[in-house]
Amino acid sequence: MAATDVRPKITLACQECKHRNYITRKNRRNTPDRLELKKYCRNCRTHQAHKETR
């Protein structure tokens, strides 16, 4: 049942240092492609692009 969840948990990883910093949920119907957000990376100490990982 969890495989067909409409709002699955996703992990966001920093594009620069590849650390997985954030866990969030997304609506699979509204955003079917991978999510990319600019968020603060504690490892880089700057705002970086974070992309959805699997």
PDB file of N, CA and C in Angstrom:
ATOM      1  N   MET A   1       0.813  -1.188   0.000  1.00  0.00           N
ATOM      2  CA  MET A   1       0.000   0.000   0.000  1.00  0.00           C
ATOM      3  C   MET A   1       0.861   1.259   0.000  1.00  0.00           C
ATOM      4  N   ALA A   2       2.005   1.236   0.632  1.00  0.00           N
ATOM      5  CA  ALA A   2       2.869   2.419   0.690  1.00  0.00           C
ATOM      6  C   ALA A   2       3.478   2.751  -0.667  1.00  0.00           C
ATOM      7  N   ALA A   3       3.575   1.776  -1.558  1.00  0.00           N
ATOM      8  CA  ALA A   3       4.170   2.029  -2.874  1.00  0.00           C
ATOM      9  C   ALA A   3       3.280   2.911  -3.733  1.00  0.00           C
ATOM     10  N   THR A   4       1.990   2.891  -3.502  1.00  0.00           N
ATOM     11  CA  THR A   4       1.073   3.710  -4.286  1.00  0.00           C
ATOM     12  C   THR A   4       0.620   4.938  -3.508  1.00  0.00           C
ATOM     13  N   ASP A   5       1.383   5.350  -2.531  1.00  0.00           N
ATOM     14  CA  ASP A   5       1.047   6.511  -1.716  1.00  0.00           C
ATOM     15  C   ASP A   5       1.066   7.770  -2.576  1.00  0.00           C
ATOM     16  N   VAL A   6       0.057   8.634  -2.415  1.00  0.00           N
ATOM     17  CA  VAL A   6      -0.029   9.858  -3.212  1.00  0.00           C
ATOM     18  C   VAL A   6       1.016  10.869  -2.750  1.00  0.00           C
ATOM     19  N   ARG A   7       1.287  10.908  -1.434  1.00  0.00           N
ATOM     20  CA  ARG A   7       2.264  11.847  -0.892  1.00  0.00           C
ATOM     21  C   ARG A   7       3.415  11.071  -0.234  1.00  0.00           C
ATOM     22  N   PRO A   8       4.355  10.547  -1.020  1.00  0.00           N
ATOM     23  CA  PRO A   8       5.450   9.763  -0.438  1.00  0.00           C
ATOM     24  C   PRO A   8       6.504  10.663   0.200  1.00  0.00           C
ATOM     25  N   LYS A   9       7.283  10.077   1.106  1.00  0.00           N
ATOM     26  CA  LYS A   9       8.417  10.785   1.688  1.00  0.00           C
ATOM     27  C   LYS A   9       9.542  10.804   0.668  1.00  0.00           C
ATOM     28  N   ILE A  10      10.207  11.951   0.539  1.00  0.00           N
ATOM     29  CA  ILE A  10      11.357  12.053  -0.356  1.00  0.00           C
ATOM     30  C   ILE A  10      12.519  12.647   0.420  1.00  0.00           C
ATOM     31  N   THR A  11      13.721  12.372  -0.033  1.00  0.00           N
ATOM     32  CA  THR A  11      14.929  12.904   0.577  1.00  0.00           C
ATOM     33  C   THR A  11      15.551  13.901  -0.375  1.00  0.00           C
ATOM     34  N   LEU A  12      15.971  15.051   0.164  1.00  0.00           N
ATOM     35  CA  LEU A  12      16.614  16.081  -0.641  1.00  0.00           C
ATOM     36  C   LEU A  12      18.106  16.080  -0.342  1.00  0.00           C
ATOM     37  N   ALA A  13      18.916  15.986  -1.390  1.00  0.00           N
ATOM     38  CA  ALA A  13      20.368  15.952  -1.246  1.00  0.00           C
ATOM     39  C   ALA A  13      20.977  17.187  -1.892  1.00  0.00           C
ATOM     40  N   CYS A  14      22.018  17.714  -1.270  1.00  0.00           N
ATOM     41  CA  CYS A  14      22.724  18.889  -1.785  1.00  0.00           C
ATOM     42  C   CYS A  14      23.437  18.525  -3.084  1.00  0.00           C
ATOM     43  N   GLN A  15      23.374  19.415  -4.058  1.00  0.00           N
ATOM     44  CA  GLN A  15      24.016  19.164  -5.349  1.00  0.00           C
ATOM     45  C   GLN A  15      25.533  19.323  -5.265  1.00  0.00           C
ATOM     46  N   GLU A  16      26.039  20.116  -4.325  1.00  0.00           N
ATOM     47  CA  GLU A  16      27.480  20.357  -4.222  1.00  0.00           C
ATOM     48  C   GLU A  16      28.184  19.256  -3.430  1.00  0.00           C
ATOM     49  N   CYS A  17      27.729  19.003  -2.207  1.00  0.00           N
ATOM     50  CA  CYS A  17      28.437  18.061  -1.336  1.00  0.00           C
ATOM     51  C   CYS A  17      27.765  16.692  -1.259  1.00  0.00           C
ATOM     52  N   LYS A  18      26.579  16.543  -1.858  1.00  0.00           N
ATOM     53  CA  LYS A  18      25.830  15.281  -1.932  1.00  0.00           C
ATOM     54  C   LYS A  18      25.323  14.777  -0.580  1.00  0.00           C
ATOM     55  N   HIS A  19      25.303  15.626   0.458  1.00  0.00           N
ATOM     56  CA  HIS A  19      24.753  15.218   1.747  1.00  0.00           C
ATOM     57  C   HIS A  19      23.237  15.266   1.689  1.00  0.00           C
ATOM     58  N   ARG A  20      22.606  14.290   2.311  1.00  0.00           N
ATOM     59  CA  ARG A  20      21.141  14.226   2.343  1.00  0.00           C
ATOM     60  C   ARG A  20      20.668  14.956   3.591  1.00  0.00           C
ATOM     61  N   ASN A  21      20.247  16.204   3.408  1.00  0.00           N
ATOM     62  CA  ASN A  21      19.970  17.086   4.530  1.00  0.00           C
ATOM     63  C   ASN A  21      18.511  17.147   4.942  1.00  0.00           C
ATOM     64  N   TYR A  22      17.576  16.945   4.041  1.00  0.00           N
ATOM     65  CA  TYR A  22      16.163  17.179   4.326  1.00  0.00           C
ATOM     66  C   TYR A  22      15.306  15.996   3.908  1.00  0.00           C
ATOM     67  N   ILE A  23      14.240  15.760   4.681  1.00  0.00           N
ATOM     68  CA  ILE A  23      13.214  14.781   4.332  1.00  0.00           C
ATOM     69  C   ILE A  23      11.896  15.533   4.306  1.00  0.00           C
ATOM     70  N   THR A  24      11.141  15.375   3.235  1.00  0.00           N
ATOM     71  CA  THR A  24       9.864  16.068   3.095  1.00  0.00           C
ATOM     72  C   THR A  24       8.897  15.171   2.343  1.00  0.00           C
ATOM     73  N   ARG A  25       7.705  15.669   2.108  1.00  0.00           N
ATOM     74  CA  ARG A  25       6.703  14.937   1.335  1.00  0.00           C
ATOM     75  C   ARG A  25       6.350  15.747   0.100  1.00  0.00           C
ATOM     76  N   LYS A  26       5.963  15.056  -0.962  1.00  0.00           N
ATOM     77  CA  LYS A  26       5.503  15.750  -2.158  1.00  0.00           C
ATOM     78  C   LYS A  26       4.283  15.041  -2.709  1.00  0.00           C
ATOM     79  N   ASN A  27       3.463  15.793  -3.418  1.00  0.00           N
ATOM     80  CA  ASN A  27       2.285  15.232  -4.060  1.00  0.00           C
ATOM     81  C   ASN A  27       2.706  14.700  -5.425  1.00  0.00           C
ATOM     82  N   ARG A  28       2.589  13.408  -5.595  1.00  0.00           N
ATOM     83  CA  ARG A  28       3.046  12.762  -6.824  1.00  0.00           C
ATOM     84  C   ARG A  28       2.202  13.154  -8.034  1.00  0.00           C
ATOM     85  N   ARG A  29       0.941  13.503  -7.827  1.00  0.00           N
ATOM     86  CA  ARG A  29       0.069  13.890  -8.943  1.00  0.00           C
ATOM     87  C   ARG A  29       0.414  15.278  -9.468  1.00  0.00           C
ATOM     88  N   ASN A  30       0.740  16.213  -8.583  1.00  0.00           N
ATOM     89  CA  ASN A  30       1.048  17.578  -9.010  1.00  0.00           C
ATOM     90  C   ASN A  30       2.470  17.725  -9.540  1.00  0.00           C
ATOM     91  N   THR A  31       3.420  17.000  -8.961  1.00  0.00           N
ATOM     92  CA  THR A  31       4.824  17.091  -9.380  1.00  0.00           C
ATOM     93  C   THR A  31       5.364  15.692  -9.656  1.00  0.00           C
ATOM     94  N   PRO A  32       5.128  15.160 -10.852  1.00  0.00           N
ATOM     95  CA  PRO A  32       5.589  13.804 -11.154  1.00  0.00           C
ATOM     96  C   PRO A  32       7.101  13.708 -11.356  1.00  0.00           C
ATOM     97  N   ASP A  33       7.751  14.801 -11.797  1.00  0.00           N
ATOM     98  CA  ASP A  33       9.195  14.753 -11.996  1.00  0.00           C
ATOM     99  C   ASP A  33       9.907  15.078 -10.681  1.00  0.00           C
ATOM    100  N   ARG A  34      11.225  14.992 -10.694  1.00  0.00           N
ATOM    101  CA  ARG A  34      11.998  15.174  -9.474  1.00  0.00           C
ATOM    102  C   ARG A  34      11.969  16.619  -8.989  1.00  0.00           C
ATOM    103  N   LEU A  35      11.860  16.774  -7.695  1.00  0.00           N
ATOM    104  CA  LEU A  35      11.757  18.081  -7.064  1.00  0.00           C
ATOM    105  C   LEU A  35      13.148  18.670  -6.856  1.00  0.00           C
ATOM    106  N   GLU A  36      13.287  19.984  -7.083  1.00  0.00           N
ATOM    107  CA  GLU A  36      14.551  20.673  -6.820  1.00  0.00           C
ATOM    108  C   GLU A  36      14.244  22.001  -6.143  1.00  0.00           C
ATOM    109  N   LEU A  37      14.832  22.201  -4.956  1.00  0.00           N
ATOM    110  CA  LEU A  37      14.604  23.405  -4.165  1.00  0.00           C
ATOM    111  C   LEU A  37      15.934  23.986  -3.710  1.00  0.00           C
ATOM    112  N   LYS A  38      15.971  25.308  -3.510  1.00  0.00           N
ATOM    113  CA  LYS A  38      17.149  25.939  -2.920  1.00  0.00           C
ATOM    114  C   LYS A  38      16.943  25.984  -1.419  1.00  0.00           C
ATOM    115  N   LYS A  39      17.797  25.277  -0.683  1.00  0.00           N
ATOM    116  CA  LYS A  39      17.690  25.208   0.767  1.00  0.00           C
ATOM    117  C   LYS A  39      19.074  25.362   1.371  1.00  0.00           C
ATOM    118  N   TYR A  40      19.112  25.607   2.683  1.00  0.00           N
ATOM    119  CA  TYR A  40      20.376  25.803   3.378  1.00  0.00           C
ATOM    120  C   TYR A  40      21.051  24.460   3.628  1.00  0.00           C
ATOM    121  N   CYS A  41      22.324  24.365   3.283  1.00  0.00           N
ATOM    122  CA  CYS A  41      23.122  23.163   3.532  1.00  0.00           C
ATOM    123  C   CYS A  41      24.054  23.452   4.700  1.00  0.00           C
ATOM    124  N   ARG A  42      23.937  22.666   5.766  1.00  0.00           N
ATOM    125  CA  ARG A  42      24.780  22.879   6.942  1.00  0.00           C
ATOM    126  C   ARG A  42      26.226  22.514   6.675  1.00  0.00           C
ATOM    127  N   ASN A  43      26.447  21.593   5.766  1.00  0.00           N
ATOM    128  CA  ASN A  43      27.807  21.174   5.451  1.00  0.00           C
ATOM    129  C   ASN A  43      28.540  22.241   4.636  1.00  0.00           C
ATOM    130  N   CYS A  44      27.870  22.824   3.646  1.00  0.00           N
ATOM    131  CA  CYS A  44      28.467  23.870   2.800  1.00  0.00           C
ATOM    132  C   CYS A  44      28.371  25.252   3.443  1.00  0.00           C
ATOM    133  N   ARG A  45      27.448  25.409   4.391  1.00  0.00           N
ATOM    134  CA  ARG A  45      27.170  26.681   5.066  1.00  0.00           C
ATOM    135  C   ARG A  45      26.670  27.764   4.118  1.00  0.00           C
ATOM    136  N   THR A  46      25.974  27.370   3.069  1.00  0.00           N
ATOM    137  CA  THR A  46      25.367  28.311   2.127  1.00  0.00           C
ATOM    138  C   THR A  46      24.044  27.730   1.640  1.00  0.00           C
ATOM    139  N   HIS A  47      23.295  28.541   0.930  1.00  0.00           N
ATOM    140  CA  HIS A  47      22.090  28.055   0.263  1.00  0.00           C
ATOM    141  C   HIS A  47      22.510  27.400  -1.048  1.00  0.00           C
ATOM    142  N   GLN A  48      22.115  26.149  -1.229  1.00  0.00           N
ATOM    143  CA  GLN A  48      22.457  25.379  -2.420  1.00  0.00           C
ATOM    144  C   GLN A  48      21.191  24.736  -2.971  1.00  0.00           C
ATOM    145  N   ALA A  49      21.271  24.288  -4.203  1.00  0.00           N
ATOM    146  CA  ALA A  49      20.168  23.534  -4.800  1.00  0.00           C
ATOM    147  C   ALA A  49      20.162  22.128  -4.206  1.00  0.00           C
ATOM    148  N   HIS A  50      19.003  21.691  -3.764  1.00  0.00           N
ATOM    149  CA  HIS A  50      18.813  20.344  -3.236  1.00  0.00           C
ATOM    150  C   HIS A  50      17.856  19.619  -4.170  1.00  0.00           C
ATOM    151  N   LYS A  51      18.237  18.415  -4.579  1.00  0.00           N
ATOM    152  CA  LYS A  51      17.452  17.646  -5.532  1.00  0.00           C
ATOM    153  C   LYS A  51      16.947  16.366  -4.879  1.00  0.00           C
ATOM    154  N   GLU A  52      15.797  15.929  -5.327  1.00  0.00           N
ATOM    155  CA  GLU A  52      15.187  14.705  -4.808  1.00  0.00           C
ATOM    156  C   GLU A  52      16.036  13.491  -5.168  1.00  0.00           C
ATOM    157  N   THR A  53      16.260  12.625  -4.175  1.00  0.00           N
ATOM    158  CA  THR A  53      17.003  11.385  -4.408  1.00  0.00           C
ATOM    159  C   THR A  53      16.070  10.205  -4.179  1.00  0.00           C
ATOM    160  N   ARG A  54      16.518   9.032  -4.596  1.00  0.00           N
ATOM    161  CA  ARG A  54      15.695   7.835  -4.427  1.00  0.00           C
ATOM    162  C   ARG A  54      16.321   6.908  -3.427  1.00  0.00           C
TER     163      ARG A  54
END
